[in-house]
Protein backbone atom coordinates (compact mmCIF):
# COMPACT_ATOMS: atom_id res chain seq x y z
CA UNK A 1 108.43 44.72 86.66
CA UNK A 2 105.94 47.15 85.02
CA UNK A 3 106.64 45.01 81.89
CA UNK A 4 105.71 41.63 84.00
CA UNK A 5 102.16 43.22 84.75
CA UNK A 6 101.48 44.24 81.20
CA UNK A 7 102.42 40.90 79.78
CA UNK A 8 100.46 39.00 82.50
CA UNK A 9 97.78 41.65 81.91
CA UNK A 10 97.39 41.19 78.19
CA UNK A 11 97.79 36.90 78.62
CA UNK A 12 94.23 37.35 80.72
CA UNK A 13 92.69 39.73 78.52
CA UNK A 14 93.42 37.02 75.33
CA UNK A 15 92.76 33.60 77.57
CA UNK A 16 89.15 33.75 76.32
CA UNK A 17 89.82 34.38 73.08
CA UNK A 18 92.28 31.41 73.02
CA UNK A 19 90.04 28.95 74.50
CA UNK A 20 87.09 29.35 72.19
CA UNK A 21 89.35 29.19 69.47
CA UNK A 22 90.60 25.85 70.34
CA UNK A 23 86.95 24.48 70.78
CA UNK A 24 85.75 23.47 67.37
CA UNK A 25 82.71 25.19 66.14
CA UNK A 26 79.12 23.31 66.20
CA UNK A 27 76.76 23.30 63.68
CA UNK A 28 73.57 26.01 63.89
CA UNK A 29 70.73 23.52 64.63
CA UNK A 30 68.50 22.35 61.17
CA UNK A 31 65.12 23.69 61.46
CA UNK A 32 62.41 20.82 61.00
CA UNK A 33 61.99 20.04 57.48
CA UNK A 34 59.22 21.52 56.13
CA UNK A 35 56.74 18.93 55.52
CA UNK A 36 54.08 19.22 52.28
CA UNK A 37 50.60 18.93 53.54
CA UNK A 38 49.27 15.27 52.53
CA UNK A 39 48.37 14.96 49.59
CA UNK A 40 44.08 14.36 49.47
CA UNK A 41 43.00 11.33 48.31
CA UNK A 42 42.50 10.77 44.83
CA UNK A 43 38.73 10.98 44.29
CA UNK A 44 37.18 8.07 42.47
CA UNK A 45 36.99 7.74 38.80
CA UNK A 46 33.79 9.23 37.19
CA UNK A 47 32.14 5.78 36.30
CA UNK A 48 31.99 5.24 32.74
CA UNK A 49 29.10 4.87 30.34
CA UNK A 50 27.26 1.39 31.14
CA UNK A 51 27.90 0.65 27.25
CA UNK A 52 25.66 -2.41 27.65
CA UNK A 53 22.77 -0.87 28.76
CA UNK A 54 23.19 1.92 26.33
CA UNK A 55 23.56 -0.60 23.51
CA UNK A 56 20.10 -2.17 24.50
CA UNK A 57 18.54 0.86 24.73
CA UNK A 58 19.72 1.78 21.29
CA UNK A 59 17.91 -1.34 20.30
CA UNK A 60 14.91 -0.09 21.82
CA UNK A 61 15.16 3.56 20.28
CA UNK A 62 15.28 1.37 16.82
CA UNK A 63 11.97 -0.67 17.42
CA UNK A 64 14.35 -3.86 17.65
CA UNK A 65 12.19 -6.96 19.54
CA UNK A 66 14.64 -8.97 21.30
CA UNK A 67 15.74 -11.05 23.76
CA UNK A 68 18.52 -10.31 26.19
CA UNK A 69 20.86 -13.32 26.19
CA UNK A 70 23.57 -11.58 28.34
CA UNK A 71 27.09 -13.26 28.40
CA UNK A 72 27.10 -16.46 25.84
CA UNK A 73 29.02 -19.35 26.25
CA UNK A 74 29.45 -21.79 23.30
CA UNK A 75 32.47 -24.78 23.43
CA UNK A 76 36.12 -22.54 24.02
CA UNK A 77 34.19 -19.40 23.19
CA UNK A 78 32.14 -16.80 24.87
CA UNK A 79 30.62 -13.24 24.42
CA UNK A 80 29.70 -10.78 26.38
CA UNK A 81 26.44 -8.63 25.94
CA UNK A 82 24.57 -10.65 23.34
CA UNK A 83 20.90 -10.53 21.95
CA UNK A 84 18.53 -12.82 20.16
CA UNK A 85 17.16 -10.88 17.60
CA UNK A 86 12.86 -12.10 16.85
CA UNK A 87 12.35 -9.16 14.32
CA UNK A 88 12.58 -4.80 13.58
CA UNK A 89 10.27 -2.27 12.76
CA UNK A 90 10.48 -0.28 9.38
CA UNK A 91 8.73 2.41 7.61
CA UNK A 92 7.36 -0.58 5.48
CA UNK A 93 5.95 -3.07 7.99
CA UNK A 94 7.48 -5.39 10.52
CA UNK A 95 10.65 -7.75 9.57
CA UNK A 96 11.06 -10.72 11.37
CA UNK A 97 14.09 -13.10 11.68
CA UNK A 98 13.01 -16.14 12.02
CA UNK A 99 16.48 -18.04 12.46
CA UNK A 100 16.33 -15.24 15.72
CA UNK A 101 20.28 -15.29 15.25
CA UNK A 102 22.31 -14.13 18.79
CA UNK A 103 24.32 -11.81 18.13
CA UNK A 104 26.60 -9.22 20.17
CA UNK A 105 24.55 -6.04 20.87
CA UNK A 106 26.67 -3.86 19.00
CA UNK A 107 25.95 -5.88 15.74
CA UNK A 108 22.45 -6.41 16.27
CA UNK A 109 22.09 -2.52 16.14
CA UNK A 110 23.77 -2.12 12.51
CA UNK A 111 22.11 -5.23 11.12
CA UNK A 112 18.74 -4.16 11.70
CA UNK A 113 19.61 -0.70 10.49
CA UNK A 114 20.58 -2.13 7.66
CA UNK A 115 17.31 -3.68 7.08
CA UNK A 116 15.82 -0.52 8.08
CA UNK A 117 17.75 2.11 5.95
CA UNK A 118 18.55 -0.59 2.95
CA UNK A 119 16.65 -3.59 2.96
CA UNK A 120 12.93 -2.77 3.21
CA UNK A 121 13.25 0.08 1.49
CA UNK A 122 14.73 -1.09 -1.33
CA UNK A 123 12.52 -4.52 -1.78
CA UNK A 124 9.48 -1.99 -1.27
CA UNK A 125 11.00 -0.22 -4.11
CA UNK A 126 12.07 -3.33 -6.93
CA UNK A 127 9.33 -5.65 -6.15
CA UNK A 128 6.03 -2.96 -4.86
CA UNK A 129 5.87 -5.28 -1.65
CA UNK A 130 7.36 -5.19 1.76
CA UNK A 131 10.08 -6.81 3.02
CA UNK A 132 8.62 -9.53 5.35
CA UNK A 133 11.67 -11.98 6.19
CA UNK A 134 15.29 -12.41 6.42
CA UNK A 135 17.20 -15.60 7.21
CA UNK A 136 20.32 -15.01 8.95
CA UNK A 137 21.25 -18.38 10.16
CA UNK A 138 22.77 -18.51 14.01
CA UNK A 139 24.75 -15.89 13.84
CA UNK A 140 26.85 -16.50 16.94
CA UNK A 141 28.69 -20.01 16.03
CA UNK A 142 32.01 -21.03 17.79
CA UNK A 143 34.29 -21.79 14.92
CA UNK A 144 37.34 -20.82 13.16
CA UNK A 145 36.85 -18.87 9.55
CA UNK A 146 35.54 -20.84 6.66
CA UNK A 147 35.09 -23.81 9.57
CA UNK A 148 39.02 -24.74 8.51
CA UNK A 149 41.24 -25.83 11.87
CA UNK A 150 44.12 -24.26 10.65
CA UNK A 151 42.54 -20.67 10.21
CA UNK A 152 42.03 -17.47 12.70
CA UNK A 153 38.50 -17.93 14.67
CA UNK A 154 35.88 -16.16 12.97
CA UNK A 155 33.79 -12.93 13.55
CA UNK A 156 30.99 -15.91 13.85
CA UNK A 157 32.99 -16.81 17.29
CA UNK A 158 32.66 -13.27 18.79
CA UNK A 159 28.82 -12.80 17.64
CA UNK A 160 29.74 -9.87 15.02
CA UNK A 161 28.74 -11.48 11.50
CA UNK A 162 25.84 -12.62 10.16
CA UNK A 163 24.97 -14.75 6.81
CA UNK A 164 22.00 -13.72 4.57
CA UNK A 165 20.49 -16.48 2.87
CA UNK A 166 17.03 -15.22 1.67
CA UNK A 167 14.87 -12.37 1.54
CA UNK A 168 11.04 -12.69 1.91
CA UNK A 169 8.05 -10.47 0.74
CA UNK A 170 4.74 -10.05 2.36
CA UNK A 171 3.21 -11.55 -1.05
CA UNK A 172 5.18 -14.52 -0.48
CA UNK A 173 8.15 -14.37 -2.61
CA UNK A 174 11.45 -15.07 -1.91
CA UNK A 175 14.75 -14.02 -3.54
CA UNK A 176 17.60 -15.96 -2.46
CA UNK A 177 21.34 -15.26 -2.50
CA UNK A 178 22.85 -17.36 -5.50
CA UNK A 179 25.59 -17.32 -8.08
CA UNK A 180 24.43 -14.52 -11.38
CA UNK A 181 23.06 -17.57 -13.60
CA UNK A 182 21.44 -15.13 -16.02
CA UNK A 183 17.93 -16.37 -15.21
CA UNK A 184 17.29 -13.69 -12.69
CA UNK A 185 14.74 -10.72 -13.37
CA UNK A 186 15.85 -7.29 -13.16
CA UNK A 187 14.05 -6.25 -10.40
CA UNK A 188 16.10 -9.31 -8.29
CA UNK A 189 19.35 -7.93 -9.87
CA UNK A 190 19.24 -4.83 -8.66
CA UNK A 191 17.92 -5.70 -5.11
CA UNK A 192 20.80 -7.96 -4.70
CA UNK A 193 23.48 -5.68 -6.45
CA UNK A 194 21.85 -3.05 -4.29
CA UNK A 195 22.48 -5.21 -1.14
CA UNK A 196 25.30 -6.01 -1.82
CA UNK A 197 26.88 -2.78 -2.48
CA UNK A 198 25.18 -0.90 0.09
CA UNK A 199 26.23 -3.25 3.30
CA UNK A 200 30.11 -1.81 2.47
CA UNK A 201 28.57 1.28 4.16
CA UNK A 202 27.37 -0.54 7.73
CA UNK A 203 29.94 -3.57 7.39
CA UNK A 204 33.60 -3.61 7.22
CA UNK A 205 33.43 -6.80 5.60
CA UNK A 206 30.65 -7.90 3.21
CA UNK A 207 31.41 -11.16 0.96
CA UNK A 208 29.06 -13.10 -1.14
CA UNK A 209 28.92 -14.93 -4.36
CA UNK A 210 31.80 -15.03 -6.60
CA UNK A 211 33.97 -13.93 -3.56
CA UNK A 212 34.80 -17.50 -2.79
CA UNK A 213 33.36 -21.23 -3.09
CA UNK A 214 32.11 -20.72 0.93
CA UNK A 215 29.95 -17.47 0.40
CA UNK A 216 28.81 -19.03 -2.82
CA UNK A 217 24.81 -19.13 -1.48
CA UNK A 218 24.94 -16.21 1.09
CA UNK A 219 25.90 -12.72 2.23
CA UNK A 220 28.73 -13.12 5.07
CA UNK A 221 28.36 -9.54 6.59
CA UNK A 222 30.73 -8.79 10.03
CA UNK A 223 32.23 -5.49 11.53
CA UNK A 224 35.94 -7.27 11.99
CA UNK A 225 38.95 -4.47 11.92
CA UNK A 226 41.06 -4.97 9.22
CA UNK A 227 43.46 -2.47 10.25
CA UNK A 228 43.52 0.25 12.97
CA UNK A 229 40.26 1.72 12.17
CA UNK A 230 37.09 0.72 10.21
CA UNK A 231 38.34 2.59 6.87
CA UNK A 232 39.81 -0.36 5.39
CA UNK A 233 36.73 -2.53 4.13
CA UNK A 234 36.96 -5.77 2.13
CA UNK A 235 33.64 -5.90 -0.18
CA UNK A 236 33.70 -8.99 -2.79
């Protein structure tokens, strides 16, 4: 009897543990996921310098006389930030561009720098007279290279080229670009050759008499890239 009471008591004591063992364990409640602080909206990027305005300011600092033509469209071609060049002031006097070429602003700055730095002082040194005019043609022309239908667009179509045909001095003398026929005096030969060599420091392409038939009566200057950088030059 006593043994029966002990068994009953033991069973009663173990009953809660047995019951709890039959209940499947429940997972602990998950804490709320940690949420990162919201990312603040990106600040607007600093505006890039106004390249067009900077270039026009550069021309003014160079004492170039020009008219802003902005976006120029001719045929299927269009070029932004073009200017019409009238003249440039040099240490040896004003040099005019009677053809008033329309050029991309960057190229206009390069061409007028070349006239200021090279053409004007070289004319004074060789002829004892100031350079007065530089004939350039229209500059911007919507066409392919050498006016051929199966060639790539010319740099003229990008307003980044000029064809210089003649230099006029203050005393009226004219120095035309033409093949060396042995008839020019020493000063003229030195002037033309000096310009041609020095131009390679300003332009990436320099062509003229002797380069090919298309450039027999003028200098062609442009700033086209012939590789990834402007280090490679075509000077013929």
